[in-house]
């Protein structure tokens, strides 16, 4: 009986620490996403404008646009550490509620 409460308190402490880590990771992740989207917009606009003003060949402009699209897709397709931490916190929370 006492062991059950000790485990529950220990899990609650782990839950608090994991929640704090999750909160601290959200801000850099959001800033990283904003930076990658900004970088993708710069690459795409450079490619389109270079092609429009005939500053580069079509192949080079196409490469710039593809690179820009890849930078824009990184935040959407790469699983971040924060999501896995949120899942872990939810699992720990469900364990303490049992």
C-alpha atoms as a PDB file:
ATOM      1  CA  UNK A   1       0.000   0.000   0.000  1.00  0.00           C
ATOM      2  CA  UNK A   2       2.763   2.415   0.950  1.00  0.00           C
ATOM      3  CA  UNK A   3       4.811   1.423  -2.115  1.00  0.00           C
ATOM      4  CA  UNK A   4       1.904   2.396  -4.363  1.00  0.00           C
ATOM      5  CA  UNK A   5       1.827   5.936  -2.930  1.00  0.00           C
ATOM      6  CA  UNK A   6       5.607   6.283  -3.139  1.00  0.00           C
ATOM      7  CA  UNK A   7       5.505   5.299  -6.814  1.00  0.00           C
ATOM      8  CA  UNK A   8       2.646   7.716  -7.417  1.00  0.00           C
ATOM      9  CA  UNK A   9       4.576  10.614  -5.825  1.00  0.00           C
ATOM     10  CA  UNK A  10       7.679   9.700  -7.807  1.00  0.00           C
ATOM     11  CA  UNK A  11       5.666   9.660 -11.048  1.00  0.00           C
ATOM     12  CA  UNK A  12       4.149  13.039 -10.187  1.00  0.00           C
ATOM     13  CA  UNK A  13       7.639  14.511  -9.738  1.00  0.00           C
ATOM     14  CA  UNK A  14       8.718  13.061 -13.072  1.00  0.00           C
ATOM     15  CA  UNK A  15       5.558  14.485 -14.623  1.00  0.00           C
ATOM     16  CA  UNK A  16       6.365  17.977 -13.333  1.00  0.00           C
ATOM     17  CA  UNK A  17       9.947  17.814 -14.631  1.00  0.00           C
ATOM     18  CA  UNK A  18       8.866  16.511 -18.050  1.00  0.00           C
ATOM     19  CA  UNK A  19       6.202  19.217 -18.338  1.00  0.00           C
ATOM     20  CA  UNK A  20       8.778  21.924 -17.590  1.00  0.00           C
ATOM     21  CA  UNK A  21      11.165  20.481 -20.165  1.00  0.00           C
ATOM     22  CA  UNK A  22       8.339  20.370 -22.701  1.00  0.00           C
ATOM     23  CA  UNK A  23       7.466  24.022 -22.080  1.00  0.00           C
ATOM     24  CA  UNK A  24      11.115  25.070 -22.350  1.00  0.00           C
ATOM     25  CA  UNK A  25      11.496  23.251 -25.673  1.00  0.00           C
ATOM     26  CA  UNK A  26       8.408  24.752 -27.283  1.00  0.00           C
ATOM     27  CA  UNK A  27       9.838  28.273 -27.635  1.00  0.00           C
ATOM     28  CA  UNK A  28      13.047  27.282 -29.506  1.00  0.00           C
ATOM     29  CA  UNK A  29      11.042  24.900 -31.693  1.00  0.00           C
ATOM     30  CA  UNK A  30       8.618  27.668 -32.659  1.00  0.00           C
ATOM     31  CA  UNK A  31      11.503  30.038 -33.398  1.00  0.00           C
ATOM     32  CA  UNK A  32      13.211  27.354 -35.478  1.00  0.00           C
ATOM     33  CA  UNK A  33      10.036  26.789 -37.487  1.00  0.00           C
ATOM     34  CA  UNK A  34       9.664  30.517 -38.122  1.00  0.00           C
ATOM     35  CA  UNK A  35      13.303  30.714 -39.241  1.00  0.00           C
ATOM     36  CA  UNK A  36      12.908  27.769 -41.637  1.00  0.00           C
ATOM     37  CA  UNK A  37       9.716  29.218 -43.145  1.00  0.00           C
ATOM     38  CA  UNK A  38      11.430  32.597 -43.570  1.00  0.00           C
ATOM     39  CA  UNK A  39      14.408  30.905 -45.219  1.00  0.00           C
ATOM     40  CA  UNK A  40      12.129  28.997 -47.575  1.00  0.00           C
ATOM     41  CA  UNK A  41      10.333  32.202 -48.603  1.00  0.00           C
ATOM     42  CA  UNK A  42      13.694  33.847 -49.358  1.00  0.00           C
ATOM     43  CA  UNK A  43      14.824  30.925 -51.526  1.00  0.00           C
ATOM     44  CA  UNK A  44      11.532  30.717 -53.426  1.00  0.00           C
ATOM     45  CA  UNK A  45      11.336  34.457 -54.028  1.00  0.00           C
ATOM     46  CA  UNK A  46      14.981  34.566 -55.138  1.00  0.00           C
ATOM     47  CA  UNK A  47      14.371  31.740 -57.587  1.00  0.00           C
ATOM     48  CA  UNK A  48      11.210  33.272 -59.031  1.00  0.00           C
ATOM     49  CA  UNK A  49      12.638  36.779 -59.312  1.00  0.00           C
ATOM     50  CA  UNK A  50      15.927  35.529 -60.772  1.00  0.00           C
ATOM     51  CA  UNK A  51      13.987  33.668 -63.449  1.00  0.00           C
ATOM     52  CA  UNK A  52      11.675  36.633 -64.034  1.00  0.00           C
ATOM     53  CA  UNK A  53      14.530  39.078 -64.518  1.00  0.00           C
ATOM     54  CA  UNK A  54      16.648  36.500 -66.406  1.00  0.00           C
ATOM     55  CA  UNK A  55      19.500  36.686 -63.915  1.00  0.00           C
ATOM     56  CA  UNK A  56      20.016  32.923 -63.675  1.00  0.00           C
ATOM     57  CA  UNK A  57      19.313  29.907 -65.848  1.00  0.00           C
ATOM     58  CA  UNK A  58      16.045  28.045 -65.472  1.00  0.00           C
ATOM     59  CA  UNK A  59      17.886  25.102 -63.918  1.00  0.00           C
ATOM     60  CA  UNK A  60      19.427  27.260 -61.180  1.00  0.00           C
ATOM     61  CA  UNK A  61      16.094  28.982 -60.492  1.00  0.00           C
ATOM     62  CA  UNK A  62      14.381  25.599 -60.299  1.00  0.00           C
ATOM     63  CA  UNK A  63      16.992  24.422 -57.802  1.00  0.00           C
ATOM     64  CA  UNK A  64      16.430  27.509 -55.649  1.00  0.00           C
ATOM     65  CA  UNK A  65      12.674  26.928 -55.669  1.00  0.00           C
ATOM     66  CA  UNK A  66      13.065  23.226 -54.805  1.00  0.00           C
ATOM     67  CA  UNK A  67      15.463  24.052 -51.961  1.00  0.00           C
ATOM     68  CA  UNK A  68      12.999  26.656 -50.679  1.00  0.00           C
ATOM     69  CA  UNK A  69      10.169  24.125 -50.763  1.00  0.00           C
ATOM     70  CA  UNK A  70      12.354  21.625 -48.894  1.00  0.00           C
ATOM     71  CA  UNK A  71      13.116  24.183 -46.172  1.00  0.00           C
ATOM     72  CA  UNK A  72       9.394  24.903 -45.906  1.00  0.00           C
ATOM     73  CA  UNK A  73       8.578  21.198 -45.580  1.00  0.00           C
ATOM     74  CA  UNK A  74      11.093  20.446 -42.817  1.00  0.00           C
ATOM     75  CA  UNK A  75       8.919  21.726 -39.932  1.00  0.00           C
ATOM     76  CA  UNK A  76       5.901  19.820 -41.248  1.00  0.00           C
ATOM     77  CA  UNK A  77       7.472  16.397 -41.728  1.00  0.00           C
ATOM     78  CA  UNK A  78      10.170  16.106 -39.091  1.00  0.00           C
ATOM     79  CA  UNK A  79       8.908  14.837 -35.727  1.00  0.00           C
ATOM     80  CA  UNK A  80      10.241  17.096 -33.012  1.00  0.00           C
ATOM     81  CA  UNK A  81      11.343  16.153 -29.525  1.00  0.00           C
ATOM     82  CA  UNK A  82       8.546  18.216 -28.008  1.00  0.00           C
ATOM     83  CA  UNK A  83       5.791  16.044 -29.485  1.00  0.00           C
ATOM     84  CA  UNK A  84       7.350  12.885 -28.090  1.00  0.00           C
ATOM     85  CA  UNK A  85       7.739  14.608 -24.711  1.00  0.00           C
ATOM     86  CA  UNK A  86       4.056  15.592 -24.746  1.00  0.00           C
ATOM     87  CA  UNK A  87       3.139  11.982 -25.465  1.00  0.00           C
ATOM     88  CA  UNK A  88       5.359  10.792 -22.625  1.00  0.00           C
ATOM     89  CA  UNK A  89       3.831  13.327 -20.232  1.00  0.00           C
ATOM     90  CA  UNK A  90       0.333  12.186 -21.229  1.00  0.00           C
ATOM     91  CA  UNK A  91       1.267   8.561 -20.612  1.00  0.00           C
ATOM     92  CA  UNK A  92       2.750   9.419 -17.206  1.00  0.00           C
ATOM     93  CA  UNK A  93      -0.375  11.392 -16.352  1.00  0.00           C
ATOM     94  CA  UNK A  94      -2.573   8.437 -17.257  1.00  0.00           C
ATOM     95  CA  UNK A  95      -0.399   6.183 -15.056  1.00  0.00           C
ATOM     96  CA  UNK A  96      -0.858   8.460 -12.049  1.00  0.00           C
ATOM     97  CA  UNK A  97      -4.633   8.573 -12.515  1.00  0.00           C
ATOM     98  CA  UNK A  98      -5.031   4.805 -12.309  1.00  0.00           C
END
